[in-house]
Structures are given as C-alpha cells and as structure tokens.
Amino acid sequence: MSDEHRIKIGNSNILNNLIKHADGKLDMSSTQVQVGLGLLKKVMPDLQAITLDAKIDASITIESPKDKLSGFLDDIAKRGGETS
C-alpha cells in the first residue's frame, strides 16, 4: 500500500464513524464495520503486549564508607603504621 493511500485512509472519517457507531449515534452494517476496521489496520499499528522472559545473572557489591575506612586502617596496620 502506498503512502498516498495511507494518508487518504488516515484523513477519512473511518475512525470517527466507527466511534459514532459504537456510541449508537450512527447505524452501520456489519460489512461497513468490518471494512472500516480493515482499513484502519492498514494505517494504525497493532498494539500488542510483548512478554520478555530472560534470566539476568549479575552481582552488585556495595561497600559502605565504614568498610572502606576499616580496610584502609587494616592496610596501614599491615605496613607497620606507614601511610605511603
């Protein structure tokens, strides 16, 4: 289907008429409804639910400032009190 046809369908009153029909304000035959829905499918994407099934294997290590300080002091103690 060409872009020109998509534009014409998009600019038509198909969607408005289907909404009016659903609200009971416009009488349409089942054939008209089916054709209208078919044309809308040509210009509007189908919205589908997509399910992702994945296993994620990751680990995160969070070191608190207290742990860092403790490690720093342990390193100093191992070096005999020298800081450099």
PDB file of N, CA and C in Angstrom:
ATOM      1  N   MET A   1       0.860  -1.176   0.000  1.00  0.00           N
ATOM      2  CA  MET A   1       0.000   0.000   0.000  1.00  0.00           C
ATOM      3  C   MET A   1       0.898   1.228   0.000  1.00  0.00           C
ATOM      4  N   SER A   2       0.577   2.177  -0.863  1.00  0.00           N
ATOM      5  CA  SER A   2       1.406   3.378  -0.974  1.00  0.00           C
ATOM      6  C   SER A   2       1.110   4.351   0.169  1.00  0.00           C
ATOM      7  N   ASP A   3       2.048   5.259   0.376  1.00  0.00           N
ATOM      8  CA  ASP A   3       1.859   6.282   1.409  1.00  0.00           C
ATOM      9  C   ASP A   3       0.648   7.154   1.103  1.00  0.00           C
ATOM     10  N   GLU A   4       0.406   7.374  -0.182  1.00  0.00           N
ATOM     11  CA  GLU A   4      -0.754   8.189  -0.585  1.00  0.00           C
ATOM     12  C   GLU A   4      -2.059   7.554  -0.094  1.00  0.00           C
ATOM     13  N   HIS A   5      -2.157   6.251  -0.243  1.00  0.00           N
ATOM     14  CA  HIS A   5      -3.365   5.547   0.208  1.00  0.00           C
ATOM     15  C   HIS A   5      -3.485   5.604   1.737  1.00  0.00           C
ATOM     16  N   ARG A   6      -2.361   5.444   2.415  1.00  0.00           N
ATOM     17  CA  ARG A   6      -2.379   5.509   3.881  1.00  0.00           C
ATOM     18  C   ARG A   6      -2.850   6.883   4.358  1.00  0.00           C
ATOM     19  N   ILE A   7      -2.386   7.922   3.699  1.00  0.00           N
ATOM     20  CA  ILE A   7      -2.781   9.292   4.061  1.00  0.00           C
ATOM     21  C   ILE A   7      -4.276   9.490   3.841  1.00  0.00           C
ATOM     22  N   LYS A   8      -4.778   8.998   2.711  1.00  0.00           N
ATOM     23  CA  LYS A   8      -6.211   9.145   2.421  1.00  0.00           C
ATOM     24  C   LYS A   8      -7.063   8.411   3.459  1.00  0.00           C
ATOM     25  N   ILE A   9      -6.633   7.210   3.817  1.00  0.00           N
ATOM     26  CA  ILE A   9      -7.378   6.457   4.828  1.00  0.00           C
ATOM     27  C   ILE A   9      -7.304   7.179   6.167  1.00  0.00           C
ATOM     28  N   GLY A  10      -6.106   7.658   6.522  1.00  0.00           N
ATOM     29  CA  GLY A  10      -5.930   8.355   7.792  1.00  0.00           C
ATOM     30  C   GLY A  10      -6.752   9.626   7.879  1.00  0.00           C
ATOM     31  N   ASN A  11      -6.907  10.323   6.755  1.00  0.00           N
ATOM     32  CA  ASN A  11      -7.660  11.579   6.745  1.00  0.00           C
ATOM     33  C   ASN A  11      -9.166  11.387   6.618  1.00  0.00           C
ATOM     34  N   SER A  12      -9.592  10.171   6.347  1.00  0.00           N
ATOM     35  CA  SER A  12     -11.022   9.925   6.197  1.00  0.00           C
ATOM     36  C   SER A  12     -11.695   9.914   7.563  1.00  0.00           C
ATOM     37  N   ASN A  13     -12.999   9.765   7.556  1.00  0.00           N
ATOM     38  CA  ASN A  13     -13.779   9.744   8.790  1.00  0.00           C
ATOM     39  C   ASN A  13     -14.064   8.322   9.276  1.00  0.00           C
ATOM     40  N   ILE A  14     -13.241   7.381   8.868  1.00  0.00           N
ATOM     41  CA  ILE A  14     -13.484   5.987   9.236  1.00  0.00           C
ATOM     42  C   ILE A  14     -13.508   5.812  10.750  1.00  0.00           C
ATOM     43  N   LEU A  15     -12.482   6.308  11.407  1.00  0.00           N
ATOM     44  CA  LEU A  15     -12.419   6.153  12.854  1.00  0.00           C
ATOM     45  C   LEU A  15     -13.573   6.882  13.537  1.00  0.00           C
ATOM     46  N   ASN A  16     -13.851   8.100  13.097  1.00  0.00           N
ATOM     47  CA  ASN A  16     -14.965   8.860  13.682  1.00  0.00           C
ATOM     48  C   ASN A  16     -16.289   8.119  13.519  1.00  0.00           C
ATOM     49  N   ASN A  17     -16.513   7.555  12.330  1.00  0.00           N
ATOM     50  CA  ASN A  17     -17.763   6.833  12.088  1.00  0.00           C
ATOM     51  C   ASN A  17     -17.857   5.563  12.938  1.00  0.00           C
ATOM     52  N   LEU A  18     -16.726   4.869  13.124  1.00  0.00           N
ATOM     53  CA  LEU A  18     -16.743   3.672  13.975  1.00  0.00           C
ATOM     54  C   LEU A  18     -17.030   4.044  15.424  1.00  0.00           C
ATOM     55  N   ILE A  19     -16.489   5.157  15.861  1.00  0.00           N
ATOM     56  CA  ILE A  19     -16.761   5.613  17.236  1.00  0.00           C
ATOM     57  C   ILE A  19     -18.230   6.002  17.377  1.00  0.00           C
ATOM     58  N   LYS A  20     -18.769   6.720  16.392  1.00  0.00           N
ATOM     59  CA  LYS A  20     -20.194   7.090  16.433  1.00  0.00           C
ATOM     60  C   LYS A  20     -21.068   5.845  16.452  1.00  0.00           C
ATOM     61  N   HIS A  21     -20.680   4.839  15.667  1.00  0.00           N
ATOM     62  CA  HIS A  21     -21.433   3.588  15.626  1.00  0.00           C
ATOM     63  C   HIS A  21     -21.388   2.900  16.994  1.00  0.00           C
ATOM     64  N   ALA A  22     -20.212   2.885  17.625  1.00  0.00           N
ATOM     65  CA  ALA A  22     -20.071   2.263  18.944  1.00  0.00           C
ATOM     66  C   ALA A  22     -20.905   2.996  19.994  1.00  0.00           C
ATOM     67  N   ASP A  23     -21.030   4.319  19.836  1.00  0.00           N
ATOM     68  CA  ASP A  23     -21.836   5.119  20.768  1.00  0.00           C
ATOM     69  C   ASP A  23     -23.321   5.064  20.450  1.00  0.00           C
ATOM     70  N   GLY A  24     -23.692   4.396  19.360  1.00  0.00           N
ATOM     71  CA  GLY A  24     -25.093   4.285  18.984  1.00  0.00           C
ATOM     72  C   GLY A  24     -25.616   5.501  18.237  1.00  0.00           C
ATOM     73  N   LYS A  25     -24.731   6.368  17.777  1.00  0.00           N
ATOM     74  CA  LYS A  25     -25.149   7.590  17.077  1.00  0.00           C
ATOM     75  C   LYS A  25     -25.185   7.426  15.566  1.00  0.00           C
ATOM     76  N   LEU A  26     -24.635   6.320  15.062  1.00  0.00           N
ATOM     77  CA  LEU A  26     -24.596   6.087  13.619  1.00  0.00           C
ATOM     78  C   LEU A  26     -24.863   4.613  13.369  1.00  0.00           C
ATOM     79  N   ASP A  27     -25.792   4.343  12.451  1.00  0.00           N
ATOM     80  CA  ASP A  27     -26.120   2.963  12.119  1.00  0.00           C
ATOM     81  C   ASP A  27     -25.213   2.506  10.979  1.00  0.00           C
ATOM     82  N   MET A  28     -24.518   1.388  11.187  1.00  0.00           N
ATOM     83  CA  MET A  28     -23.647   0.827  10.156  1.00  0.00           C
ATOM     84  C   MET A  28     -23.916  -0.670  10.064  1.00  0.00           C
ATOM     85  N   SER A  29     -23.778  -1.198   8.860  1.00  0.00           N
ATOM     86  CA  SER A  29     -23.938  -2.644   8.693  1.00  0.00           C
ATOM     87  C   SER A  29     -22.660  -3.329   9.174  1.00  0.00           C
ATOM     88  N   SER A  30     -22.749  -4.630   9.392  1.00  0.00           N
ATOM     89  CA  SER A  30     -21.559  -5.366   9.846  1.00  0.00           C
ATOM     90  C   SER A  30     -20.461  -5.326   8.778  1.00  0.00           C
ATOM     91  N   THR A  31     -20.864  -5.300   7.517  1.00  0.00           N
ATOM     92  CA  THR A  31     -19.880  -5.208   6.430  1.00  0.00           C
ATOM     93  C   THR A  31     -19.145  -3.876   6.490  1.00  0.00           C
ATOM     94  N   GLN A  32     -19.865  -2.782   6.725  1.00  0.00           N
ATOM     95  CA  GLN A  32     -19.231  -1.476   6.823  1.00  0.00           C
ATOM     96  C   GLN A  32     -18.246  -1.431   7.996  1.00  0.00           C
ATOM     97  N   VAL A  33     -18.642  -2.034   9.110  1.00  0.00           N
ATOM     98  CA  VAL A  33     -17.764  -2.062  10.276  1.00  0.00           C
ATOM     99  C   VAL A  33     -16.510  -2.872   9.969  1.00  0.00           C
ATOM    100  N   GLN A  34     -16.671  -4.038   9.348  1.00  0.00           N
ATOM    101  CA  GLN A  34     -15.521  -4.883   9.013  1.00  0.00           C
ATOM    102  C   GLN A  34     -14.573  -4.187   8.043  1.00  0.00           C
ATOM    103  N   VAL A  35     -15.117  -3.528   7.048  1.00  0.00           N
ATOM    104  CA  VAL A  35     -14.286  -2.800   6.084  1.00  0.00           C
ATOM    105  C   VAL A  35     -13.570  -1.649   6.775  1.00  0.00           C
ATOM    106  N   GLY A  36     -14.282  -0.920   7.617  1.00  0.00           N
ATOM    107  CA  GLY A  36     -13.664   0.188   8.350  1.00  0.00           C
ATOM    108  C   GLY A  36     -12.519  -0.285   9.228  1.00  0.00           C
ATOM    109  N   LEU A  37     -12.724  -1.367   9.954  1.00  0.00           N
ATOM    110  CA  LEU A  37     -11.658  -1.914  10.793  1.00  0.00           C
ATOM    111  C   LEU A  37     -10.480  -2.403   9.960  1.00  0.00           C
ATOM    112  N   GLY A  38     -10.787  -3.024   8.825  1.00  0.00           N
ATOM    113  CA  GLY A  38      -9.722  -3.490   7.933  1.00  0.00           C
ATOM    114  C   GLY A  38      -8.869  -2.345   7.407  1.00  0.00           C
ATOM    115  N   LEU A  39      -9.518  -1.242   7.044  1.00  0.00           N
ATOM    116  CA  LEU A  39      -8.769  -0.081   6.553  1.00  0.00           C
ATOM    117  C   LEU A  39      -7.943   0.560   7.664  1.00  0.00           C
ATOM    118  N   LEU A  40      -8.499   0.601   8.862  1.00  0.00           N
ATOM    119  CA  LEU A  40      -7.734   1.170   9.991  1.00  0.00           C
ATOM    120  C   LEU A  40      -6.482   0.345  10.282  1.00  0.00           C
ATOM    121  N   LYS A  41      -6.584  -0.965  10.130  1.00  0.00           N
ATOM    122  CA  LYS A  41      -5.426  -1.820  10.371  1.00  0.00           C
ATOM    123  C   LYS A  41      -4.295  -1.524   9.384  1.00  0.00           C
ATOM    124  N   LYS A  42      -4.649  -0.972   8.235  1.00  0.00           N
ATOM    125  CA  LYS A  42      -3.637  -0.634   7.234  1.00  0.00           C
ATOM    126  C   LYS A  42      -2.833   0.596   7.632  1.00  0.00           C
ATOM    127  N   VAL A  43      -3.400   1.467   8.444  1.00  0.00           N
ATOM    128  CA  VAL A  43      -2.720   2.722   8.772  1.00  0.00           C
ATOM    129  C   VAL A  43      -2.324   2.845  10.240  1.00  0.00           C
ATOM    130  N   MET A  44      -2.898   2.023  11.095  1.00  0.00           N
ATOM    131  CA  MET A  44      -2.585   2.108  12.523  1.00  0.00           C
ATOM    132  C   MET A  44      -1.862   0.835  12.947  1.00  0.00           C
ATOM    133  N   PRO A  45      -0.809   0.976  13.746  1.00  0.00           N
ATOM    134  CA  PRO A  45      -0.096  -0.229  14.187  1.00  0.00           C
ATOM    135  C   PRO A  45      -0.922  -1.005  15.198  1.00  0.00           C
ATOM    136  N   ASP A  46      -0.766  -2.316  15.176  1.00  0.00           N
ATOM    137  CA  ASP A  46      -1.396  -3.160  16.186  1.00  0.00           C
ATOM    138  C   ASP A  46      -0.580  -3.029  17.462  1.00  0.00           C
ATOM    139  N   LEU A  47      -1.241  -2.727  18.558  1.00  0.00           N
ATOM    140  CA  LEU A  47      -0.558  -2.642  19.840  1.00  0.00           C
ATOM    141  C   LEU A  47      -0.704  -3.987  20.528  1.00  0.00           C
ATOM    142  N   GLN A  48       0.410  -4.649  20.720  1.00  0.00           N
ATOM    143  CA  GLN A  48       0.388  -5.972  21.311  1.00  0.00           C
ATOM    144  C   GLN A  48       1.238  -5.978  22.565  1.00  0.00           C
ATOM    145  N   ALA A  49       0.845  -6.801  23.483  1.00  0.00           N
ATOM    146  CA  ALA A  49       1.661  -6.988  24.681  1.00  0.00           C
ATOM    147  C   ALA A  49       2.822  -7.905  24.331  1.00  0.00           C
ATOM    148  N   ILE A  50       4.002  -7.543  24.750  1.00  0.00           N
ATOM    149  CA  ILE A  50       5.185  -8.350  24.493  1.00  0.00           C
ATOM    150  C   ILE A  50       5.732  -8.795  25.840  1.00  0.00           C
ATOM    151  N   THR A  51       5.967 -10.087  25.943  1.00  0.00           N
ATOM    152  CA  THR A  51       6.492 -10.638  27.176  1.00  0.00           C
ATOM    153  C   THR A  51       7.948 -11.007  26.957  1.00  0.00           C
ATOM    154  N   LEU A  52       8.795 -10.554  27.859  1.00  0.00           N
ATOM    155  CA  LEU A  52      10.215 -10.873  27.796  1.00  0.00           C
ATOM    156  C   LEU A  52      10.526 -11.833  28.924  1.00  0.00           C
ATOM    157  N   ASP A  53      11.027 -12.979  28.562  1.00  0.00           N
ATOM    158  CA  ASP A  53      11.400 -13.980  29.556  1.00  0.00           C
ATOM    159  C   ASP A  53      12.915 -14.116  29.498  1.00  0.00           C
ATOM    160  N   ALA A  54      13.592 -13.586  30.495  1.00  0.00           N
ATOM    161  CA  ALA A  54      15.047 -13.602  30.480  1.00  0.00           C
ATOM    162  C   ALA A  54      15.584 -13.864  31.877  1.00  0.00           C
ATOM    163  N   LYS A  55      16.756 -14.445  31.917  1.00  0.00           N
ATOM    164  CA  LYS A  55      17.432 -14.658  33.186  1.00  0.00           C
ATOM    165  C   LYS A  55      18.634 -13.723  33.211  1.00  0.00           C
ATOM    166  N   ILE A  56      18.726 -12.934  34.252  1.00  0.00           N
ATOM    167  CA  ILE A  56      19.822 -11.996  34.382  1.00  0.00           C
ATOM    168  C   ILE A  56      20.688 -12.458  35.542  1.00  0.00           C
ATOM    169  N   ASP A  57      21.954 -12.668  35.249  1.00  0.00           N
ATOM    170  CA  ASP A  57      22.893 -13.120  36.264  1.00  0.00           C
ATOM    171  C   ASP A  57      23.887 -11.994  36.503  1.00  0.00           C
ATOM    172  N   ALA A  58      23.706 -11.284  37.590  1.00  0.00           N
ATOM    173  CA  ALA A  58      24.581 -10.159  37.898  1.00  0.00           C
ATOM    174  C   ALA A  58      24.731 -10.041  39.408  1.00  0.00           C
ATOM    175  N   SER A  59      25.844  -9.493  39.805  1.00  0.00           N
ATOM    176  CA  SER A  59      26.032  -9.246  41.233  1.00  0.00           C
ATOM    177  C   SER A  59      26.522  -7.815  41.407  1.00  0.00           C
ATOM    178  N   ILE A  60      26.116  -7.221  42.484  1.00  0.00           N
ATOM    179  CA  ILE A  60      26.488  -5.852  42.790  1.00  0.00           C
ATOM    180  C   ILE A  60      27.092  -5.848  44.193  1.00  0.00           C
ATOM    181  N   THR A  61      28.251  -5.258  44.313  1.00  0.00           N
ATOM    182  CA  THR A  61      28.895  -5.138  45.617  1.00  0.00           C
ATOM    183  C   THR A  61      28.870  -3.675  46.025  1.00  0.00           C
ATOM    184  N   ILE A  62      28.295  -3.426  47.158  1.00  0.00           N
ATOM    185  CA  ILE A  62      28.226  -2.069  47.679  1.00  0.00           C
ATOM    186  C   ILE A  62      29.075  -2.020  48.945  1.00  0.00           C
ATOM    187  N   GLU A  63      30.047  -1.149  48.908  1.00  0.00           N
ATOM    188  CA  GLU A  63      30.940  -1.034  50.048  1.00  0.00           C
ATOM    189  C   GLU A  63      30.608   0.257  50.782  1.00  0.00           C
ATOM    190  N   SER A  64      30.318   0.130  52.041  1.00  0.00           N
ATOM    191  CA  SER A  64      29.966   1.310  52.828  1.00  0.00           C
ATOM    192  C   SER A  64      31.236   2.072  53.200  1.00  0.00           C
ATOM    193  N   PRO A  65      31.127   3.358  53.516  1.00  0.00           N
ATOM    194  CA  PRO A  65      32.293   4.132  53.942  1.00  0.00           C
ATOM    195  C   PRO A  65      32.986   3.505  55.159  1.00  0.00           C
ATOM    196  N   LYS A  66      32.201   2.899  56.043  1.00  0.00           N
ATOM    197  CA  LYS A  66      32.776   2.249  57.220  1.00  0.00           C
ATOM    198  C   LYS A  66      33.678   1.092  56.796  1.00  0.00           C
ATOM    199  N   ASP A  67      33.217   0.305  55.806  1.00  0.00           N
ATOM    200  CA  ASP A  67      34.020  -0.808  55.306  1.00  0.00           C
ATOM    201  C   ASP A  67      35.299  -0.303  54.647  1.00  0.00           C
ATOM    202  N   LYS A  68      35.200   0.795  53.906  1.00  0.00           N
ATOM    203  CA  LYS A  68      36.381   1.354  53.257  1.00  0.00           C
ATOM    204  C   LYS A  68      37.393   1.833  54.297  1.00  0.00           C
ATOM    205  N   LEU A  69      36.912   2.502  55.314  1.00  0.00           N
ATOM    206  CA  LEU A  69      37.792   3.002  56.370  1.00  0.00           C
ATOM    207  C   LEU A  69      38.453   1.840  57.098  1.00  0.00           C
ATOM    208  N   SER A  70      37.675   0.812  57.387  1.00  0.00           N
ATOM    209  CA  SER A  70      38.213  -0.353  58.077  1.00  0.00           C
ATOM    210  C   SER A  70      39.307  -1.010  57.232  1.00  0.00           C
ATOM    211  N   GLY A  71      39.065  -1.140  55.952  1.00  0.00           N
ATOM    212  CA  GLY A  71      40.067  -1.719  55.050  1.00  0.00           C
ATOM    213  C   GLY A  71      41.314  -0.858  54.971  1.00  0.00           C
ATOM    214  N   PHE A  72      41.132   0.443  54.937  1.00  0.00           N
ATOM    215  CA  PHE A  72      42.253   1.379  54.878  1.00  0.00           C
ATOM    216  C   PHE A  72      43.099   1.251  56.146  1.00  0.00           C
ATOM    217  N   LEU A  73      42.437   1.213  57.300  1.00  0.00           N
ATOM    218  CA  LEU A  73      43.165   1.089  58.568  1.00  0.00           C
ATOM    219  C   LEU A  73      43.873  -0.260  58.678  1.00  0.00           C
ATOM    220  N   ASP A  74      43.248  -1.321  58.172  1.00  0.00           N
ATOM    221  CA  ASP A  74      43.894  -2.636  58.175  1.00  0.00           C
ATOM    222  C   ASP A  74      45.159  -2.617  57.330  1.00  0.00           C
ATOM    223  N   ASP A  75      45.097  -1.956  56.170  1.00  0.00           N
ATOM    224  CA  ASP A  75      46.275  -1.855  55.300  1.00  0.00           C
ATOM    225  C   ASP A  75      47.400  -1.101  55.998  1.00  0.00           C
ATOM    226  N   ILE A  76      47.056  -0.021  56.707  1.00  0.00           N
ATOM    227  CA  ILE A  76      48.074   0.754  57.423  1.00  0.00           C
ATOM    228  C   ILE A  76      48.712  -0.104  58.515  1.00  0.00           C
ATOM    229  N   ALA A  77      47.886  -0.858  59.224  1.00  0.00           N
ATOM    230  CA  ALA A  77      48.391  -1.714  60.300  1.00  0.00           C
ATOM    231  C   ALA A  77      49.339  -2.767  59.752  1.00  0.00           C
ATOM    232  N   LYS A  78      49.021  -3.313  58.558  1.00  0.00           N
ATOM    233  CA  LYS A  78      49.877  -4.353  57.952  1.00  0.00           C
ATOM    234  C   LYS A  78      51.235  -3.773  57.550  1.00  0.00           C
ATOM    235  N   ARG A  79      51.256  -2.498  57.190  1.00  0.00           N
ATOM    236  CA  ARG A  79      52.508  -1.867  56.774  1.00  0.00           C
ATOM    237  C   ARG A  79      53.284  -1.299  57.957  1.00  0.00           C
ATOM    238  N   GLY A  80      52.815  -1.504  59.138  1.00  0.00           N
ATOM    239  CA  GLY A  80      53.521  -1.050  60.330  1.00  0.00           C
ATOM    240  C   GLY A  80      53.280   0.415  60.645  1.00  0.00           C
ATOM    241  N   GLY A  81      52.127   0.947  60.231  1.00  0.00           N
ATOM    242  CA  GLY A  81      51.770   2.329  60.570  1.00  0.00           C
ATOM    243  C   GLY A  81      52.175   3.348  59.525  1.00  0.00           C
ATOM    244  N   GLU A  82      52.866   2.937  58.462  1.00  0.00           N
ATOM    245  CA  GLU A  82      53.253   3.874  57.408  1.00  0.00           C
ATOM    246  C   GLU A  82      52.072   4.142  56.485  1.00  0.00           C
ATOM    247  N   THR A  83      51.876   5.410  56.111  1.00  0.00           N
ATOM    248  CA  THR A  83      50.726   5.777  55.276  1.00  0.00           C
ATOM    249  C   THR A  83      51.065   5.840  53.795  1.00  0.00           C
ATOM    250  N   SER A  84      52.307   5.701  53.412  1.00  0.00           N
ATOM    251  CA  SER A  84      52.616   5.736  51.987  1.00  0.00           C
ATOM    252  C   SER A  84      53.427   4.568  51.545  1.00  0.00           C
TER     253      SER A  84
END
